[in-house]
Amino acid sequence: MSTPEGSDQSGSLRAGTRDRDATAQQLQEAYADGRLTSQEHDQRLSACFQAVTMGDLAALTADLPKPGGPTGSDTPAPSYAAATQGGNPPQESRGQFDANNPKTLAAIWSGWAVLSLFMIFIWAFSGMGSFWPIWVIVPVGFGAAMATITRKTGGGGR
């Protein structure tokens, strides 16, 4: 097996989810560029998600152009070294909370308001007994308030 660029021991480091995802992305780009056949892509992708070490992953892309190279894509694949040696880890495009984005907080508070109104609507049309929606409205509102306070004090986000 070949080892990734860097130290000779980096090939024996255990691969993480981000490493496997980056390699899968590189394989997908190689397939889209016509560098791999469908069968090669399927085999390498299967091996990618079963890889244990960085060396296993490097062997899957050893004959492909490096990301960001003259024939590769514009965005380099995330690496273990960048994440552990003070480099910025790759940003995920989905599923991350960005407390510094005003649209995020607006979405949180809008969601809380819609949920609250929905709960009150159900309560009102179910006989208006004890005000049980409070058990949903207050905890969710507390979470929204904590997100807002964290943003304003600078403790949220990255």
C-alpha atoms as a PDB file:
ATOM      1  CA  MET A   1       0.000   0.000   0.000  1.00  0.00           C
ATOM      2  CA  SER A   2       1.195   3.501  -0.651  1.00  0.00           C
ATOM      3  CA  THR A   3       1.101   6.117   2.060  1.00  0.00           C
ATOM      4  CA  PRO A   4      -0.313   9.605   1.819  1.00  0.00           C
ATOM      5  CA  GLU A   5       2.051  12.535   1.558  1.00  0.00           C
ATOM      6  CA  GLY A   6       3.673  13.407   4.861  1.00  0.00           C
ATOM      7  CA  SER A   7       5.352  11.135   7.354  1.00  0.00           C
ATOM      8  CA  ASP A   8       5.960   7.464   6.695  1.00  0.00           C
ATOM      9  CA  GLN A   9       3.716   6.574   9.625  1.00  0.00           C
ATOM     10  CA  SER A  10       0.682   8.546   8.400  1.00  0.00           C
ATOM     11  CA  GLY A  11      -0.469   5.554   6.319  1.00  0.00           C
ATOM     12  CA  SER A  12      -1.036   3.551   9.488  1.00  0.00           C
ATOM     13  CA  LEU A  13      -3.231   6.226  11.094  1.00  0.00           C
ATOM     14  CA  ARG A  14      -6.852   5.214  11.464  1.00  0.00           C
ATOM     15  CA  ALA A  15      -9.156   6.801   8.913  1.00  0.00           C
ATOM     16  CA  GLY A  16     -12.158   8.795  10.045  1.00  0.00           C
ATOM     17  CA  THR A  17     -15.529   9.507   8.507  1.00  0.00           C
ATOM     18  CA  ARG A  18     -14.356  12.788   6.994  1.00  0.00           C
ATOM     19  CA  ASP A  19     -11.373  11.031   5.424  1.00  0.00           C
ATOM     20  CA  ARG A  20     -13.617   8.354   3.899  1.00  0.00           C
ATOM     21  CA  ASP A  21     -16.067  10.988   2.669  1.00  0.00           C
ATOM     22  CA  ALA A  22     -13.259  13.014   1.079  1.00  0.00           C
ATOM     23  CA  THR A  23     -11.931   9.920  -0.681  1.00  0.00           C
ATOM     24  CA  ALA A  24     -15.449   9.006  -1.844  1.00  0.00           C
ATOM     25  CA  GLN A  25     -15.818  12.530  -3.241  1.00  0.00           C
ATOM     26  CA  GLN A  26     -12.497  12.205  -5.072  1.00  0.00           C
ATOM     27  CA  LEU A  27     -13.614   8.859  -6.515  1.00  0.00           C
ATOM     28  CA  GLN A  28     -16.930  10.389  -7.598  1.00  0.00           C
ATOM     29  CA  GLU A  29     -15.115  13.237  -9.355  1.00  0.00           C
ATOM     30  CA  ALA A  30     -12.787  10.771 -11.086  1.00  0.00           C
ATOM     31  CA  TYR A  31     -15.809   8.779 -12.253  1.00  0.00           C
ATOM     32  CA  ALA A  32     -17.532  11.954 -13.477  1.00  0.00           C
ATOM     33  CA  ASP A  33     -14.345  12.918 -15.358  1.00  0.00           C
ATOM     34  CA  GLY A  34     -14.297   9.504 -17.040  1.00  0.00           C
ATOM     35  CA  ARG A  35     -11.142   8.324 -15.249  1.00  0.00           C
ATOM     36  CA  LEU A  36     -12.925   5.319 -13.712  1.00  0.00           C
ATOM     37  CA  THR A  37     -15.392   2.880 -15.192  1.00  0.00           C
ATOM     38  CA  SER A  38     -18.643   2.216 -13.403  1.00  0.00           C
ATOM     39  CA  GLN A  39     -17.323  -1.116 -12.140  1.00  0.00           C
ATOM     40  CA  GLU A  40     -14.041   0.405 -10.894  1.00  0.00           C
ATOM     41  CA  HIS A  41     -15.950   3.197  -9.185  1.00  0.00           C
ATOM     42  CA  ASP A  42     -18.268   0.740  -7.416  1.00  0.00           C
ATOM     43  CA  GLN A  43     -15.371  -1.459  -6.272  1.00  0.00           C
ATOM     44  CA  ARG A  44     -13.288   1.444  -5.003  1.00  0.00           C
ATOM     45  CA  LEU A  45     -16.256   3.094  -3.307  1.00  0.00           C
ATOM     46  CA  SER A  46     -17.071  -0.131  -1.494  1.00  0.00           C
ATOM     47  CA  ALA A  47     -13.439  -0.449  -0.387  1.00  0.00           C
ATOM     48  CA  CYS A  48     -13.431   3.212   0.640  1.00  0.00           C
ATOM     49  CA  PHE A  49     -16.188   2.768   3.199  1.00  0.00           C
ATOM     50  CA  GLN A  50     -14.521  -0.381   4.534  1.00  0.00           C
ATOM     51  CA  ALA A  51     -11.079   1.270   4.825  1.00  0.00           C
ATOM     52  CA  VAL A  52      -9.506   1.259   8.258  1.00  0.00           C
ATOM     53  CA  THR A  53      -6.320   3.282   7.773  1.00  0.00           C
ATOM     54  CA  MET A  54      -5.268   6.354   5.832  1.00  0.00           C
ATOM     55  CA  GLY A  55      -3.008   4.070   3.789  1.00  0.00           C
ATOM     56  CA  ASP A  56      -6.031   2.033   2.699  1.00  0.00           C
ATOM     57  CA  LEU A  57      -7.669   5.233   1.452  1.00  0.00           C
ATOM     58  CA  ALA A  58      -4.518   6.491  -0.256  1.00  0.00           C
ATOM     59  CA  ALA A  59      -4.205   3.239  -2.203  1.00  0.00           C
ATOM     60  CA  LEU A  60      -7.678   3.816  -3.689  1.00  0.00           C
ATOM     61  CA  THR A  61      -6.698   7.160  -5.210  1.00  0.00           C
ATOM     62  CA  ALA A  62      -2.981   6.633  -5.871  1.00  0.00           C
ATOM     63  CA  ASP A  63      -3.478   6.510  -9.665  1.00  0.00           C
ATOM     64  CA  LEU A  64      -5.831   9.514  -9.752  1.00  0.00           C
ATOM     65  CA  PRO A  65      -4.920  13.225  -9.970  1.00  0.00           C
ATOM     66  CA  LYS A  66      -4.575  14.960  -6.619  1.00  0.00           C
ATOM     67  CA  PRO A  67      -7.472  17.258  -5.694  1.00  0.00           C
ATOM     68  CA  GLY A  68      -6.675  20.873  -6.510  1.00  0.00           C
ATOM     69  CA  GLY A  69      -3.942  19.851  -8.950  1.00  0.00           C
ATOM     70  CA  PRO A  70      -3.820  21.015 -12.553  1.00  0.00           C
ATOM     71  CA  THR A  71      -6.210  18.251 -13.664  1.00  0.00           C
ATOM     72  CA  GLY A  72      -8.068  17.809 -10.374  1.00  0.00           C
ATOM     73  CA  SER A  73     -10.956  19.729  -8.903  1.00  0.00           C
ATOM     74  CA  ASP A  74     -10.650  23.216  -7.460  1.00  0.00           C
ATOM     75  CA  THR A  75     -11.291  22.158  -3.860  1.00  0.00           C
ATOM     76  CA  PRO A  76      -8.775  19.954  -2.090  1.00  0.00           C
ATOM     77  CA  ALA A  77      -9.985  16.969  -0.133  1.00  0.00           C
ATOM     78  CA  PRO A  78      -9.896  17.364   3.639  1.00  0.00           C
ATOM     79  CA  SER A  79      -6.993  15.624   5.273  1.00  0.00           C
ATOM     80  CA  TYR A  80      -6.272  14.227   8.683  1.00  0.00           C
ATOM     81  CA  ALA A  81      -3.156  16.384   8.922  1.00  0.00           C
ATOM     82  CA  ALA A  82      -5.056  19.617   8.282  1.00  0.00           C
ATOM     83  CA  ALA A  83      -7.619  18.786  10.944  1.00  0.00           C
ATOM     84  CA  THR A  84      -5.064  17.833  13.583  1.00  0.00           C
ATOM     85  CA  GLN A  85      -2.300  20.355  12.923  1.00  0.00           C
ATOM     86  CA  GLY A  86      -4.229  23.566  13.367  1.00  0.00           C
ATOM     87  CA  GLY A  87      -5.674  23.719   9.860  1.00  0.00           C
ATOM     88  CA  ASN A  88      -9.323  24.549   9.474  1.00  0.00           C
ATOM     89  CA  PRO A  89     -11.415  21.404   9.259  1.00  0.00           C
ATOM     90  CA  PRO A  90     -13.620  21.197   6.194  1.00  0.00           C
ATOM     91  CA  GLN A  91     -16.972  22.929   6.457  1.00  0.00           C
ATOM     92  CA  GLU A  92     -20.045  20.779   6.117  1.00  0.00           C
ATOM     93  CA  SER A  93     -22.681  22.150   3.779  1.00  0.00           C
ATOM     94  CA  ARG A  94     -25.694  20.760   5.645  1.00  0.00           C
ATOM     95  CA  GLY A  95     -26.819  20.115   9.155  1.00  0.00           C
ATOM     96  CA  GLN A  96     -24.606  22.573  10.985  1.00  0.00           C
ATOM     97  CA  PHE A  97     -25.791  25.276  13.347  1.00  0.00           C
ATOM     98  CA  ASP A  98     -24.282  28.669  12.557  1.00  0.00           C
ATOM     99  CA  ALA A  99     -25.248  30.888  15.477  1.00  0.00           C
ATOM    100  CA  ASN A 100     -23.569  33.888  13.872  1.00  0.00           C
ATOM    101  CA  ASN A 101     -25.995  33.864  10.945  1.00  0.00           C
ATOM    102  CA  PRO A 102     -29.024  36.106  11.628  1.00  0.00           C
ATOM    103  CA  LYS A 103     -31.131  33.919   9.326  1.00  0.00           C
ATOM    104  CA  THR A 104     -30.460  30.960  11.598  1.00  0.00           C
ATOM    105  CA  LEU A 105     -31.822  32.755  14.647  1.00  0.00           C
ATOM    106  CA  ALA A 106     -34.795  34.059  12.669  1.00  0.00           C
ATOM    107  CA  ALA A 107     -35.546  30.480  11.624  1.00  0.00           C
ATOM    108  CA  ILE A 108     -35.264  29.270  15.216  1.00  0.00           C
ATOM    109  CA  TRP A 109     -37.640  31.907  16.556  1.00  0.00           C
ATOM    110  CA  SER A 110     -40.045  31.478  13.623  1.00  0.00           C
ATOM    111  CA  GLY A 111     -40.113  27.748  14.262  1.00  0.00           C
ATOM    112  CA  TRP A 112     -40.796  28.356  17.942  1.00  0.00           C
ATOM    113  CA  ALA A 113     -43.647  30.763  17.129  1.00  0.00           C
ATOM    114  CA  VAL A 114     -45.248  28.355  14.641  1.00  0.00           C
ATOM    115  CA  LEU A 115     -44.930  25.460  17.087  1.00  0.00           C
ATOM    116  CA  SER A 116     -46.406  27.559  19.894  1.00  0.00           C
ATOM    117  CA  LEU A 117     -49.365  28.669  17.796  1.00  0.00           C
ATOM    118  CA  PHE A 118     -49.953  25.108  16.628  1.00  0.00           C
ATOM    119  CA  MET A 119     -49.959  23.813  20.204  1.00  0.00           C
ATOM    120  CA  ILE A 120     -52.330  26.581  21.330  1.00  0.00           C
ATOM    121  CA  PHE A 121     -54.598  25.823  18.357  1.00  0.00           C
ATOM    122  CA  ILE A 122     -54.774  22.146  19.324  1.00  0.00           C
ATOM    123  CA  TRP A 123     -55.397  23.059  22.977  1.00  0.00           C
ATOM    124  CA  ALA A 124     -58.169  25.491  22.033  1.00  0.00           C
ATOM    125  CA  PHE A 125     -59.995  22.969  19.865  1.00  0.00           C
ATOM    126  CA  SER A 126     -59.593  20.082  22.303  1.00  0.00           C
ATOM    127  CA  GLY A 127     -61.691  21.545  25.113  1.00  0.00           C
ATOM    128  CA  MET A 128     -59.342  24.132  26.679  1.00  0.00           C
ATOM    129  CA  GLY A 129     -58.653  22.195  29.876  1.00  0.00           C
ATOM    130  CA  SER A 130     -55.423  22.836  31.714  1.00  0.00           C
ATOM    131  CA  PHE A 131     -52.928  24.733  29.534  1.00  0.00           C
ATOM    132  CA  TRP A 132     -50.703  21.757  28.610  1.00  0.00           C
ATOM    133  CA  PRO A 133     -48.958  23.523  25.660  1.00  0.00           C
ATOM    134  CA  ILE A 134     -46.809  25.311  28.226  1.00  0.00           C
ATOM    135  CA  TRP A 135     -44.836  22.043  28.607  1.00  0.00           C
ATOM    136  CA  VAL A 136     -43.742  22.357  24.982  1.00  0.00           C
ATOM    137  CA  ILE A 137     -43.632  26.127  24.506  1.00  0.00           C
ATOM    138  CA  VAL A 138     -41.368  26.938  27.473  1.00  0.00           C
ATOM    139  CA  PRO A 139     -38.583  24.355  26.900  1.00  0.00           C
ATOM    140  CA  VAL A 140     -38.392  25.090  23.173  1.00  0.00           C
ATOM    141  CA  GLY A 141     -38.423  28.825  23.906  1.00  0.00           C
ATOM    142  CA  PHE A 142     -35.627  28.303  26.429  1.00  0.00           C
ATOM    143  CA  GLY A 143     -33.553  26.583  23.746  1.00  0.00           C
ATOM    144  CA  ALA A 144     -34.185  29.445  21.313  1.00  0.00           C
ATOM    145  CA  ALA A 145     -33.253  31.978  23.999  1.00  0.00           C
ATOM    146  CA  MET A 146     -30.020  30.106  24.757  1.00  0.00           C
ATOM    147  CA  ALA A 147     -29.113  30.149  21.069  1.00  0.00           C
ATOM    148  CA  THR A 148     -29.709  33.897  20.978  1.00  0.00           C
ATOM    149  CA  ILE A 149     -27.778  34.586  24.188  1.00  0.00           C
ATOM    150  CA  THR A 150     -24.886  32.395  23.052  1.00  0.00           C
ATOM    151  CA  ARG A 151     -24.705  34.311  19.784  1.00  0.00           C
ATOM    152  CA  LYS A 152     -24.761  37.713  21.489  1.00  0.00           C
ATOM    153  CA  THR A 153     -22.059  36.749  23.989  1.00  0.00           C
ATOM    154  CA  GLY A 154     -19.842  35.258  21.300  1.00  0.00           C
ATOM    155  CA  GLY A 155     -19.916  31.705  22.616  1.00  0.00           C
ATOM    156  CA  GLY A 156     -21.780  30.151  19.720  1.00  0.00           C
ATOM    157  CA  GLY A 157     -20.676  28.951  16.337  1.00  0.00           C
ATOM    158  CA  ARG A 158     -17.059  28.160  15.661  1.00  0.00           C
END
